[in-house]
Amino acid sequence: MAEGYCVKCKAKQPISDAVEETMKNGRKAVKGKCPVCGAVMFKILGGKTPATPAPVPEAPASA
């Protein structure tokens, strides 16, 4: 379970109902609710999702 900082409680809390999302810039994040006050919590995770590599063209066969 992910742990984040709740701005309303001003304390670190475990994120309940956590859902992993991918932001527009390609980074992963976890979004959920604070179990104490119910405020929305959002935590950005490290690293970007790996981009799919471009297909490598095959070299022409020499005869």
N, C-alpha and C. Protein backbone atom coordinates (compact mmCIF):
# COMPACT_ATOMS: atom_id res chain seq x y z
N MET A 1 0.85 -1.18 0.00
CA MET A 1 0.00 0.00 0.00
C MET A 1 0.90 1.24 0.00
N ALA A 2 0.54 2.22 -0.79
CA ALA A 2 1.31 3.45 -0.89
C ALA A 2 1.03 4.37 0.30
N GLU A 3 2.05 5.13 0.66
CA GLU A 3 1.89 6.08 1.74
C GLU A 3 2.17 7.47 1.19
N GLY A 4 1.32 8.43 1.53
CA GLY A 4 1.48 9.79 1.05
C GLY A 4 1.24 10.80 2.15
N TYR A 5 1.41 12.06 1.80
CA TYR A 5 1.22 13.14 2.76
C TYR A 5 -0.16 13.75 2.54
N CYS A 6 -0.96 13.79 3.59
CA CYS A 6 -2.27 14.42 3.52
C CYS A 6 -2.12 15.88 3.91
N VAL A 7 -2.51 16.77 3.02
CA VAL A 7 -2.38 18.20 3.27
C VAL A 7 -3.38 18.66 4.33
N LYS A 8 -4.53 18.03 4.36
CA LYS A 8 -5.56 18.43 5.32
C LYS A 8 -5.20 17.98 6.75
N CYS A 9 -4.72 16.74 6.89
CA CYS A 9 -4.33 16.22 8.21
C CYS A 9 -2.93 16.69 8.62
N LYS A 10 -2.12 17.11 7.65
CA LYS A 10 -0.73 17.50 7.86
C LYS A 10 0.08 16.36 8.47
N ALA A 11 -0.12 15.16 7.92
CA ALA A 11 0.61 13.98 8.39
C ALA A 11 0.68 12.95 7.27
N LYS A 12 1.65 12.03 7.38
CA LYS A 12 1.74 10.92 6.43
C LYS A 12 0.68 9.91 6.78
N GLN A 13 -0.04 9.46 5.75
CA GLN A 13 -1.12 8.48 5.93
C GLN A 13 -1.01 7.46 4.81
N PRO A 14 -1.46 6.23 5.03
CA PRO A 14 -1.56 5.28 3.92
C PRO A 14 -2.69 5.72 2.98
N ILE A 15 -2.49 5.56 1.69
CA ILE A 15 -3.51 5.98 0.72
C ILE A 15 -4.51 4.83 0.57
N SER A 16 -5.77 5.10 0.90
CA SER A 16 -6.80 4.07 0.72
C SER A 16 -7.46 4.24 -0.64
N ASP A 17 -8.01 3.16 -1.17
CA ASP A 17 -8.61 3.14 -2.51
C ASP A 17 -7.62 3.61 -3.56
N ALA A 18 -6.35 3.18 -3.43
CA ALA A 18 -5.29 3.65 -4.31
C ALA A 18 -5.45 3.07 -5.72
N VAL A 19 -5.26 3.94 -6.70
CA VAL A 19 -5.31 3.55 -8.11
C VAL A 19 -4.06 4.12 -8.78
N GLU A 20 -3.31 3.25 -9.48
CA GLU A 20 -2.12 3.72 -10.18
C GLU A 20 -2.52 4.30 -11.53
N GLU A 21 -2.01 5.48 -11.82
CA GLU A 21 -2.32 6.18 -13.07
C GLU A 21 -1.04 6.57 -13.77
N THR A 22 -1.15 6.86 -15.05
CA THR A 22 -0.04 7.42 -15.82
C THR A 22 -0.42 8.84 -16.21
N MET A 23 0.44 9.78 -15.82
CA MET A 23 0.15 11.19 -16.13
C MET A 23 0.46 11.48 -17.59
N LYS A 24 0.08 12.68 -18.05
CA LYS A 24 0.28 13.05 -19.44
C LYS A 24 1.75 13.04 -19.85
N ASN A 25 2.65 13.34 -18.91
CA ASN A 25 4.07 13.38 -19.23
C ASN A 25 4.73 12.01 -19.16
N GLY A 26 3.94 10.95 -18.88
CA GLY A 26 4.47 9.60 -18.89
C GLY A 26 4.88 9.06 -17.54
N ARG A 27 4.85 9.89 -16.51
CA ARG A 27 5.23 9.43 -15.17
C ARG A 27 4.06 8.73 -14.50
N LYS A 28 4.39 7.78 -13.62
CA LYS A 28 3.36 7.06 -12.90
C LYS A 28 3.04 7.77 -11.60
N ALA A 29 1.79 7.64 -11.15
CA ALA A 29 1.35 8.26 -9.91
C ALA A 29 0.29 7.37 -9.27
N VAL A 30 0.08 7.59 -7.96
CA VAL A 30 -0.95 6.88 -7.23
C VAL A 30 -1.94 7.92 -6.72
N LYS A 31 -3.23 7.65 -6.92
CA LYS A 31 -4.28 8.56 -6.49
C LYS A 31 -5.25 7.79 -5.62
N GLY A 32 -5.67 8.40 -4.52
CA GLY A 32 -6.61 7.74 -3.63
C GLY A 32 -7.16 8.72 -2.61
N LYS A 33 -7.63 8.19 -1.48
CA LYS A 33 -8.23 9.02 -0.45
C LYS A 33 -7.51 8.81 0.87
N CYS A 34 -7.55 9.83 1.72
CA CYS A 34 -7.00 9.76 3.08
C CYS A 34 -7.98 8.94 3.92
N PRO A 35 -7.48 7.95 4.67
CA PRO A 35 -8.40 7.14 5.48
C PRO A 35 -8.96 7.88 6.68
N VAL A 36 -8.35 8.99 7.09
CA VAL A 36 -8.79 9.74 8.27
C VAL A 36 -9.85 10.78 7.91
N CYS A 37 -9.52 11.65 6.94
CA CYS A 37 -10.42 12.78 6.65
C CYS A 37 -11.13 12.65 5.30
N GLY A 38 -10.69 11.76 4.43
CA GLY A 38 -11.36 11.56 3.15
C GLY A 38 -10.88 12.49 2.04
N ALA A 39 -9.85 13.29 2.29
CA ALA A 39 -9.33 14.19 1.27
C ALA A 39 -8.63 13.38 0.17
N VAL A 40 -8.57 13.94 -1.03
CA VAL A 40 -7.89 13.28 -2.14
C VAL A 40 -6.38 13.38 -1.92
N MET A 41 -5.70 12.25 -2.06
CA MET A 41 -4.24 12.21 -1.94
C MET A 41 -3.66 11.80 -3.29
N PHE A 42 -2.50 12.34 -3.62
CA PHE A 42 -1.87 12.09 -4.90
C PHE A 42 -0.38 11.99 -4.66
N LYS A 43 0.24 10.90 -5.13
CA LYS A 43 1.68 10.72 -4.95
C LYS A 43 2.30 10.36 -6.29
N ILE A 44 3.33 11.12 -6.68
CA ILE A 44 4.05 10.85 -7.92
C ILE A 44 5.11 9.81 -7.62
N LEU A 45 5.16 8.76 -8.43
CA LEU A 45 6.13 7.70 -8.26
C LEU A 45 7.35 8.00 -9.11
N GLY A 46 8.48 7.41 -8.76
CA GLY A 46 9.72 7.67 -9.47
C GLY A 46 9.78 7.04 -10.84
N GLY A 47 10.43 7.71 -11.75
CA GLY A 47 10.69 7.17 -13.08
C GLY A 47 9.54 7.31 -14.04
N LYS A 48 9.89 7.26 -15.31
CA LYS A 48 8.89 7.31 -16.37
C LYS A 48 8.62 5.90 -16.85
N THR A 49 7.48 5.72 -17.49
CA THR A 49 7.19 4.42 -18.08
C THR A 49 8.09 4.26 -19.30
N PRO A 50 8.63 3.07 -19.53
CA PRO A 50 9.52 2.89 -20.68
C PRO A 50 8.76 3.06 -21.98
N ALA A 51 9.36 3.82 -22.88
CA ALA A 51 8.75 4.04 -24.20
C ALA A 51 8.95 2.79 -25.04
N THR A 52 8.01 2.53 -25.91
CA THR A 52 8.15 1.37 -26.78
C THR A 52 9.24 1.66 -27.80
N PRO A 53 10.20 0.76 -27.97
CA PRO A 53 11.29 1.02 -28.91
C PRO A 53 10.79 0.96 -30.35
N ALA A 54 11.42 1.77 -31.19
CA ALA A 54 11.05 1.80 -32.61
C ALA A 54 11.51 0.50 -33.26
N PRO A 55 10.73 -0.02 -34.20
CA PRO A 55 11.15 -1.26 -34.87
C PRO A 55 12.44 -1.05 -35.65
N VAL A 56 13.31 -2.04 -35.57
CA VAL A 56 14.60 -1.96 -36.25
C VAL A 56 14.44 -2.51 -37.66
N PRO A 57 14.77 -1.70 -38.68
CA PRO A 57 14.65 -2.20 -40.06
C PRO A 57 15.70 -3.28 -40.32
N GLU A 58 15.28 -4.31 -41.05
CA GLU A 58 16.21 -5.40 -41.36
C GLU A 58 17.16 -4.97 -42.47
N ALA A 59 18.40 -5.42 -42.34
CA ALA A 59 19.42 -5.09 -43.36
C ALA A 59 19.13 -5.91 -44.62
N PRO A 60 19.34 -5.29 -45.79
CA PRO A 60 19.10 -6.04 -47.04
C PRO A 60 20.09 -7.20 -47.15
N ALA A 61 19.57 -8.33 -47.58
CA ALA A 61 20.41 -9.52 -47.72
C ALA A 61 21.33 -9.37 -48.92
N SER A 62 22.62 -9.61 -48.73
CA SER A 62 23.55 -9.52 -49.84
C SER A 62 23.62 -10.88 -50.56
N ALA A 63 23.56 -10.85 -51.84
CA ALA A 63 23.54 -12.10 -52.61
C ALA A 63 24.81 -12.39 -53.30
